[in-house]
Amino acid sequence: MHILDKWTKLLDEGRHVDVIYTDFEQAFDKVPLKRLLSKLRSYGVREDLIKWIKGFLVHRRHQVRVNSEYSTLCL
């Protein structure tokens, strides 16, 4: 809620707010990392953000929980 209040205040002041929503829920096992990073670069995403995304995705285990159900643990 805090961030929504901050965005609302900025918009009320006539400023702009840019937001990127990402849904990694099913992307881990479906999108090759090199292709993802290449696409992000082609869209003009800054290299420091690309490095953060790569660091987040490489050699991590991922699992999704919906209510009390868990997906298979992925590496």
PDB file of N, CA and C in Angstrom:
ATOM      1  N   MET A   1       0.816  -1.187   0.000  1.00  0.00           N
ATOM      2  CA  MET A   1       0.000   0.000   0.000  1.00  0.00           C
ATOM      3  C   MET A   1       0.870   1.265   0.000  1.00  0.00           C
ATOM      4  N   HIS A   2       2.012   1.177   0.649  1.00  0.00           N
ATOM      5  CA  HIS A   2       2.891   2.347   0.719  1.00  0.00           C
ATOM      6  C   HIS A   2       3.299   2.812  -0.683  1.00  0.00           C
ATOM      7  N   ILE A   3       3.679   1.869  -1.523  1.00  0.00           N
ATOM      8  CA  ILE A   3       4.139   2.257  -2.859  1.00  0.00           C
ATOM      9  C   ILE A   3       2.995   2.843  -3.678  1.00  0.00           C
ATOM     10  N   LEU A   4       1.773   2.320  -3.509  1.00  0.00           N
ATOM     11  CA  LEU A   4       0.622   2.880  -4.224  1.00  0.00           C
ATOM     12  C   LEU A   4       0.362   4.322  -3.789  1.00  0.00           C
ATOM     13  N   ASP A   5       0.513   4.595  -2.505  1.00  0.00           N
ATOM     14  CA  ASP A   5       0.364   5.969  -2.014  1.00  0.00           C
ATOM     15  C   ASP A   5       1.417   6.892  -2.637  1.00  0.00           C
ATOM     16  N   LYS A   6       2.636   6.383  -2.718  1.00  0.00           N
ATOM     17  CA  LYS A   6       3.720   7.187  -3.297  1.00  0.00           C
ATOM     18  C   LYS A   6       3.443   7.473  -4.773  1.00  0.00           C
ATOM     19  N   TRP A   7       3.013   6.445  -5.533  1.00  0.00           N
ATOM     20  CA  TRP A   7       2.707   6.641  -6.947  1.00  0.00           C
ATOM     21  C   TRP A   7       1.561   7.623  -7.127  1.00  0.00           C
ATOM     22  N   THR A   8       0.539   7.502  -6.294  1.00  0.00           N
ATOM     23  CA  THR A   8      -0.609   8.409  -6.384  1.00  0.00           C
ATOM     24  C   THR A   8      -0.180   9.846  -6.129  1.00  0.00           C
ATOM     25  N   LYS A   9       0.669  10.041  -5.138  1.00  0.00           N
ATOM     26  CA  LYS A   9       1.162  11.389  -4.840  1.00  0.00           C
ATOM     27  C   LYS A   9       1.937  11.960  -6.028  1.00  0.00           C
ATOM     28  N   LEU A  10       2.802  11.145  -6.611  1.00  0.00           N
ATOM     29  CA  LEU A  10       3.574  11.603  -7.767  1.00  0.00           C
ATOM     30  C   LEU A  10       2.658  11.967  -8.934  1.00  0.00           C
ATOM     31  N   LEU A  11       1.661  11.144  -9.195  1.00  0.00           N
ATOM     32  CA  LEU A  11       0.727  11.425 -10.285  1.00  0.00           C
ATOM     33  C   LEU A  11      -0.089  12.683 -10.000  1.00  0.00           C
ATOM     34  N   ASP A  12      -0.491  12.871  -8.745  1.00  0.00           N
ATOM     35  CA  ASP A  12      -1.218  14.084  -8.364  1.00  0.00           C
ATOM     36  C   ASP A  12      -0.377  15.335  -8.577  1.00  0.00           C
ATOM     37  N   GLU A  13       0.940  15.189  -8.457  1.00  0.00           N
ATOM     38  CA  GLU A  13       1.857  16.308  -8.657  1.00  0.00           C
ATOM     39  C   GLU A  13       2.166  16.522 -10.139  1.00  0.00           C
ATOM     40  N   GLY A  14       1.560  15.705 -11.007  1.00  0.00           N
ATOM     41  CA  GLY A  14       1.798  15.838 -12.443  1.00  0.00           C
ATOM     42  C   GLY A  14       3.050  15.140 -12.930  1.00  0.00           C
ATOM     43  N   ARG A  15       3.643  14.318 -12.071  1.00  0.00           N
ATOM     44  CA  ARG A  15       4.846  13.590 -12.457  1.00  0.00           C
ATOM     45  C   ARG A  15       4.459  12.250 -13.074  1.00  0.00           C
ATOM     46  N   HIS A  16       5.428  11.588 -13.659  1.00  0.00           N
ATOM     47  CA  HIS A  16       5.190  10.311 -14.323  1.00  0.00           C
ATOM     48  C   HIS A  16       5.687   9.161 -13.452  1.00  0.00           C
ATOM     49  N   VAL A  17       5.031   8.031 -13.576  1.00  0.00           N
ATOM     50  CA  VAL A  17       5.449   6.810 -12.887  1.00  0.00           C
ATOM     51  C   VAL A  17       5.522   5.697 -13.926  1.00  0.00           C
ATOM     52  N   ASP A  18       6.692   5.080 -14.051  1.00  0.00           N
ATOM     53  CA  ASP A  18       6.870   3.937 -14.949  1.00  0.00           C
ATOM     54  C   ASP A  18       6.990   2.678 -14.102  1.00  0.00           C
ATOM     55  N   VAL A  19       6.228   1.672 -14.464  1.00  0.00           N
ATOM     56  CA  VAL A  19       6.216   0.425 -13.707  1.00  0.00           C
ATOM     57  C   VAL A  19       6.314  -0.742 -14.680  1.00  0.00           C
ATOM     58  N   ILE A  20       7.106  -1.718 -14.311  1.00  0.00           N
ATOM     59  CA  ILE A  20       7.187  -2.954 -15.086  1.00  0.00           C
ATOM     60  C   ILE A  20       6.709  -4.083 -14.187  1.00  0.00           C
ATOM     61  N   TYR A  21       5.684  -4.763 -14.623  1.00  0.00           N
ATOM     62  CA  TYR A  21       5.194  -5.930 -13.902  1.00  0.00           C
ATOM     63  C   TYR A  21       5.748  -7.171 -14.584  1.00  0.00           C
ATOM     64  N   THR A  22       6.310  -8.055 -13.794  1.00  0.00           N
ATOM     65  CA  THR A  22       6.828  -9.293 -14.352  1.00  0.00           C
ATOM     66  C   THR A  22       6.144 -10.477 -13.692  1.00  0.00           C
ATOM     67  N   ASP A  23       5.887 -11.486 -14.462  1.00  0.00           N
ATOM     68  CA  ASP A  23       5.290 -12.710 -13.958  1.00  0.00           C
ATOM     69  C   ASP A  23       6.243 -13.839 -14.288  1.00  0.00           C
ATOM     70  N   PHE A  24       7.047 -14.220 -13.291  1.00  0.00           N
ATOM     71  CA  PHE A  24       8.032 -15.274 -13.488  1.00  0.00           C
ATOM     72  C   PHE A  24       7.461 -16.662 -13.189  1.00  0.00           C
ATOM     73  N   GLU A  25       6.186 -16.743 -12.859  1.00  0.00           N
ATOM     74  CA  GLU A  25       5.597 -17.988 -12.379  1.00  0.00           C
ATOM     75  C   GLU A  25       5.918 -19.189 -13.253  1.00  0.00           C
ATOM     76  N   GLN A  26       5.731 -19.078 -14.558  1.00  0.00           N
ATOM     77  CA  GLN A  26       5.986 -20.216 -15.427  1.00  0.00           C
ATOM     78  C   GLN A  26       7.150 -19.969 -16.382  1.00  0.00           C
ATOM     79  N   ALA A  27       7.829 -18.872 -16.250  1.00  0.00           N
ATOM     80  CA  ALA A  27       8.878 -18.520 -17.203  1.00  0.00           C
ATOM     81  C   ALA A  27      10.176 -19.284 -16.978  1.00  0.00           C
ATOM     82  N   PHE A  28      10.421 -19.760 -15.768  1.00  0.00           N
ATOM     83  CA  PHE A  28      11.723 -20.344 -15.452  1.00  0.00           C
ATOM     84  C   PHE A  28      12.081 -21.517 -16.337  1.00  0.00           C
ATOM     85  N   ASP A  29      11.116 -22.365 -16.628  1.00  0.00           N
ATOM     86  CA  ASP A  29      11.447 -23.554 -17.404  1.00  0.00           C
ATOM     87  C   ASP A  29      11.040 -23.438 -18.862  1.00  0.00           C
ATOM     88  N   LYS A  30      10.604 -22.279 -19.317  1.00  0.00           N
ATOM     89  CA  LYS A  30      10.113 -22.144 -20.680  1.00  0.00           C
ATOM     90  C   LYS A  30      10.910 -21.180 -21.543  1.00  0.00           C
ATOM     91  N   VAL A  31      11.618 -20.242 -20.956  1.00  0.00           N
ATOM     92  CA  VAL A  31      12.327 -19.230 -21.730  1.00  0.00           C
ATOM     93  C   VAL A  31      13.832 -19.393 -21.513  1.00  0.00           C
ATOM     94  N   PRO A  32      14.588 -19.652 -22.580  1.00  0.00           N
ATOM     95  CA  PRO A  32      16.047 -19.744 -22.439  1.00  0.00           C
ATOM     96  C   PRO A  32      16.611 -18.405 -21.952  1.00  0.00           C
ATOM     97  N   LEU A  33      17.471 -18.471 -20.955  1.00  0.00           N
ATOM     98  CA  LEU A  33      18.007 -17.258 -20.338  1.00  0.00           C
ATOM     99  C   LEU A  33      18.697 -16.346 -21.345  1.00  0.00           C
ATOM    100  N   LYS A  34      19.524 -16.908 -22.229  1.00  0.00           N
ATOM    101  CA  LYS A  34      20.233 -16.072 -23.205  1.00  0.00           C
ATOM    102  C   LYS A  34      19.255 -15.329 -24.104  1.00  0.00           C
ATOM    103  N   ARG A  35      18.183 -15.998 -24.504  1.00  0.00           N
ATOM    104  CA  ARG A  35      17.185 -15.360 -25.358  1.00  0.00           C
ATOM    105  C   ARG A  35      16.459 -14.247 -24.601  1.00  0.00           C
ATOM    106  N   LEU A  36      16.119 -14.508 -23.343  1.00  0.00           N
ATOM    107  CA  LEU A  36      15.457 -13.488 -22.528  1.00  0.00           C
ATOM    108  C   LEU A  36      16.330 -12.247 -22.399  1.00  0.00           C
ATOM    109  N   LEU A  37      17.599 -12.441 -22.050  1.00  0.00           N
ATOM    110  CA  LEU A  37      18.505 -11.305 -21.871  1.00  0.00           C
ATOM    111  C   LEU A  37      18.717 -10.553 -23.181  1.00  0.00           C
ATOM    112  N   SER A  38      18.810 -11.288 -24.274  1.00  0.00           N
ATOM    113  CA  SER A  38      18.956 -10.654 -25.587  1.00  0.00           C
ATOM    114  C   SER A  38      17.731  -9.797 -25.921  1.00  0.00           C
ATOM    115  N   LYS A  39      16.548 -10.322 -25.665  1.00  0.00           N
ATOM    116  CA  LYS A  39      15.314  -9.562 -25.916  1.00  0.00           C
ATOM    117  C   LYS A  39      15.283  -8.298 -25.070  1.00  0.00           C
ATOM    118  N   LEU A  40      15.642  -8.420 -23.796  1.00  0.00           N
ATOM    119  CA  LEU A  40      15.633  -7.249 -22.913  1.00  0.00           C
ATOM    120  C   LEU A  40      16.584  -6.179 -23.433  1.00  0.00           C
ATOM    121  N   ARG A  41      17.762  -6.598 -23.887  1.00  0.00           N
ATOM    122  CA  ARG A  41      18.719  -5.640 -24.466  1.00  0.00           C
ATOM    123  C   ARG A  41      18.136  -4.974 -25.713  1.00  0.00           C
ATOM    124  N   SER A  42      17.465  -5.761 -26.554  1.00  0.00           N
ATOM    125  CA  SER A  42      16.898  -5.202 -27.784  1.00  0.00           C
ATOM    126  C   SER A  42      15.792  -4.194 -27.495  1.00  0.00           C
ATOM    127  N   TYR A  43      15.145  -4.318 -26.330  1.00  0.00           N
ATOM    128  CA  TYR A  43      14.108  -3.367 -25.930  1.00  0.00           C
ATOM    129  C   TYR A  43      14.686  -2.146 -25.229  1.00  0.00           C
ATOM    130  N   GLY A  44      16.021  -2.124 -25.042  1.00  0.00           N
ATOM    131  CA  GLY A  44      16.658  -0.969 -24.436  1.00  0.00           C
ATOM    132  C   GLY A  44      16.716  -0.992 -22.924  1.00  0.00           C
ATOM    133  N   VAL A  45      16.524  -2.160 -22.326  1.00  0.00           N
ATOM    134  CA  VAL A  45      16.620  -2.266 -20.864  1.00  0.00           C
ATOM    135  C   VAL A  45      18.074  -2.051 -20.463  1.00  0.00           C
ATOM    136  N   ARG A  46      18.262  -1.271 -19.409  1.00  0.00           N
ATOM    137  CA  ARG A  46      19.622  -0.934 -18.950  1.00  0.00           C
ATOM    138  C   ARG A  46      20.379  -2.187 -18.524  1.00  0.00           C
ATOM    139  N   GLU A  47      21.685  -2.171 -18.763  1.00  0.00           N
ATOM    140  CA  GLU A  47      22.529  -3.334 -18.480  1.00  0.00           C
ATOM    141  C   GLU A  47      22.551  -3.684 -16.990  1.00  0.00           C
ATOM    142  N   ASP A  48      22.503  -2.694 -16.111  1.00  0.00           N
ATOM    143  CA  ASP A  48      22.513  -3.020 -14.679  1.00  0.00           C
ATOM    144  C   ASP A  48      21.254  -3.789 -14.273  1.00  0.00           C
ATOM    145  N   LEU A  49      20.113  -3.481 -14.879  1.00  0.00           N
ATOM    146  CA  LEU A  49      18.891  -4.211 -14.596  1.00  0.00           C
ATOM    147  C   LEU A  49      18.961  -5.619 -15.187  1.00  0.00           C
ATOM    148  N   ILE A  50      19.543  -5.749 -16.376  1.00  0.00           N
ATOM    149  CA  ILE A  50      19.716  -7.066 -16.984  1.00  0.00           C
ATOM    150  C   ILE A  50      20.608  -7.939 -16.106  1.00  0.00           C
ATOM    151  N   LYS A  51      21.669  -7.367 -15.559  1.00  0.00           N
ATOM    152  CA  LYS A  51      22.554  -8.122 -14.664  1.00  0.00           C
ATOM    153  C   LYS A  51      21.811  -8.564 -13.410  1.00  0.00           C
ATOM    154  N   TRP A  52      20.939  -7.714 -12.895  1.00  0.00           N
ATOM    155  CA  TRP A  52      20.154  -8.077 -11.717  1.00  0.00           C
ATOM    156  C   TRP A  52      19.224  -9.249 -12.035  1.00  0.00           C
ATOM    157  N   ILE A  53      18.553  -9.186 -13.172  1.00  0.00           N
ATOM    158  CA  ILE A  53      17.638 -10.264 -13.577  1.00  0.00           C
ATOM    159  C   ILE A  53      18.409 -11.565 -13.762  1.00  0.00           C
ATOM    160  N   LYS A  54      19.561 -11.485 -14.419  1.00  0.00           N
ATOM    161  CA  LYS A  54      20.386 -12.677 -14.620  1.00  0.00           C
ATOM    162  C   LYS A  54      20.824 -13.257 -13.278  1.00  0.00           C
ATOM    163  N   GLY A  55      21.275 -12.402 -12.377  1.00  0.00           N
ATOM    164  CA  GLY A  55      21.679 -12.859 -11.047  1.00  0.00           C
ATOM    165  C   GLY A  55      20.530 -13.494 -10.277  1.00  0.00           C
ATOM    166  N   PHE A  56      19.340 -12.981 -10.498  1.00  0.00           N
ATOM    167  CA  PHE A  56      18.160 -13.520  -9.834  1.00  0.00           C
ATOM    168  C   PHE A  56      17.802 -14.903 -10.373  1.00  0.00           C
ATOM    169  N   LEU A  57      18.011 -15.124 -11.656  1.00  0.00           N
ATOM    170  CA  LEU A  57      17.565 -16.367 -12.292  1.00  0.00           C
ATOM    171  C   LEU A  57      18.602 -17.484 -12.316  1.00  0.00           C
ATOM    172  N   VAL A  58      19.875 -17.153 -12.292  1.00  0.00           N
ATOM    173  CA  VAL A  58      20.924 -18.160 -12.466  1.00  0.00           C
ATOM    174  C   VAL A  58      21.168 -18.911 -11.156  1.00  0.00           C
ATOM    175  N   HIS A  59      21.188 -20.236 -11.253  1.00  0.00           N
ATOM    176  CA  HIS A  59      21.510 -21.127 -10.138  1.00  0.00           C
ATOM    177  C   HIS A  59      20.619 -20.904  -8.919  1.00  0.00           C
ATOM    178  N   ARG A  60      19.366 -20.658  -9.142  1.00  0.00           N
ATOM    179  CA  ARG A  60      18.420 -20.509  -8.046  1.00  0.00           C
ATOM    180  C   ARG A  60      17.352 -21.569  -8.173  1.00  0.00           C
ATOM    181  N   ARG A  61      16.816 -21.928  -7.048  1.00  0.00           N
ATOM    182  CA  ARG A  61      15.708 -22.875  -7.042  1.00  0.00           C
ATOM    183  C   ARG A  61      14.418 -22.069  -6.939  1.00  0.00           C
ATOM    184  N   HIS A  62      13.421 -22.475  -7.703  1.00  0.00           N
ATOM    185  CA  HIS A  62      12.178 -21.726  -7.763  1.00  0.00           C
ATOM    186  C   HIS A  62      11.002 -22.651  -7.500  1.00  0.00           C
ATOM    187  N   GLN A  63      10.050 -22.097  -6.788  1.00  0.00           N
ATOM    188  CA  GLN A  63       8.817 -22.830  -6.523  1.00  0.00           C
ATOM    189  C   GLN A  63       7.704 -21.811  -6.385  1.00  0.00           C
ATOM    190  N   VAL A  64       6.549 -22.155  -6.892  1.00  0.00           N
ATOM    191  CA  VAL A  64       5.408 -21.254  -6.837  1.00  0.00           C
ATOM    192  C   VAL A  64       4.383 -21.823  -5.870  1.00  0.00           C
ATOM    193  N   ARG A  65       3.821 -20.932  -5.046  1.00  0.00           N
ATOM    194  CA  ARG A  65       2.767 -21.349  -4.130  1.00  0.00           C
ATOM    195  C   ARG A  65       1.498 -20.584  -4.466  1.00  0.00           C
ATOM    196  N   VAL A  66       0.411 -21.303  -4.624  1.00  0.00           N
ATOM    197  CA  VAL A  66      -0.907 -20.707  -4.799  1.00  0.00           C
ATOM    198  C   VAL A  66      -1.766 -21.276  -3.688  1.00  0.00           C
ATOM    199  N   ASN A  67      -2.202 -20.395  -2.799  1.00  0.00           N
ATOM    200  CA  ASN A  67      -2.911 -20.816  -1.581  1.00  0.00           C
ATOM    201  C   ASN A  67      -2.012 -21.798  -0.827  1.00  0.00           C
ATOM    202  N   SER A  68      -2.407 -23.036  -0.654  1.00  0.00           N
ATOM    203  CA  SER A  68      -1.569 -23.991   0.079  1.00  0.00           C
ATOM    204  C   SER A  68      -0.923 -25.025  -0.850  1.00  0.00           C
ATOM    205  N   GLU A  69      -1.039 -24.838  -2.153  1.00  0.00           N
ATOM    206  CA  GLU A  69      -0.466 -25.775  -3.123  1.00  0.00           C
ATOM    207  C   GLU A  69       0.871 -25.248  -3.648  1.00  0.00           C
ATOM    208  N   TYR A  70       1.850 -26.161  -3.758  1.00  0.00           N
ATOM    209  CA  TYR A  70       3.176 -25.808  -4.234  1.00  0.00           C
ATOM    210  C   TYR A  70       3.470 -26.490  -5.568  1.00  0.00           C
ATOM    211  N   SER A  71       4.176 -25.789  -6.450  1.00  0.00           N
ATOM    212  CA  SER A  71       4.619 -26.388  -7.704  1.00  0.00           C
ATOM    213  C   SER A  71       5.849 -27.239  -7.427  1.00  0.00           C
ATOM    214  N   THR A  72       6.283 -27.964  -8.450  1.00  0.00           N
ATOM    215  CA  THR A  72       7.517 -28.739  -8.351  1.00  0.00           C
ATOM    216  C   THR A  72       8.693 -27.780  -8.218  1.00  0.00           C
ATOM    217  N   LEU A  73       9.636 -28.111  -7.370  1.00  0.00           N
ATOM    218  CA  LEU A  73      10.819 -27.275  -7.175  1.00  0.00           C
ATOM    219  C   LEU A  73      11.702 -27.367  -8.403  1.00  0.00           C
ATOM    220  N   CYS A  74      12.051 -26.242  -8.991  1.00  0.00           N
ATOM    221  CA  CYS A  74      12.871 -26.187 -10.203  1.00  0.00           C
ATOM    222  C   CYS A  74      14.219 -25.582  -9.889  1.00  0.00           C
ATOM    223  N   LEU A  75      15.247 -26.075 -10.559  1.00  0.00           N
ATOM    224  CA  LEU A  75      16.598 -25.502 -10.426  1.00  0.00           C
ATOM    225  C   LEU A  75      16.922 -24.708 -11.647  1.00  0.00           C
TER     226      LEU A  75
END
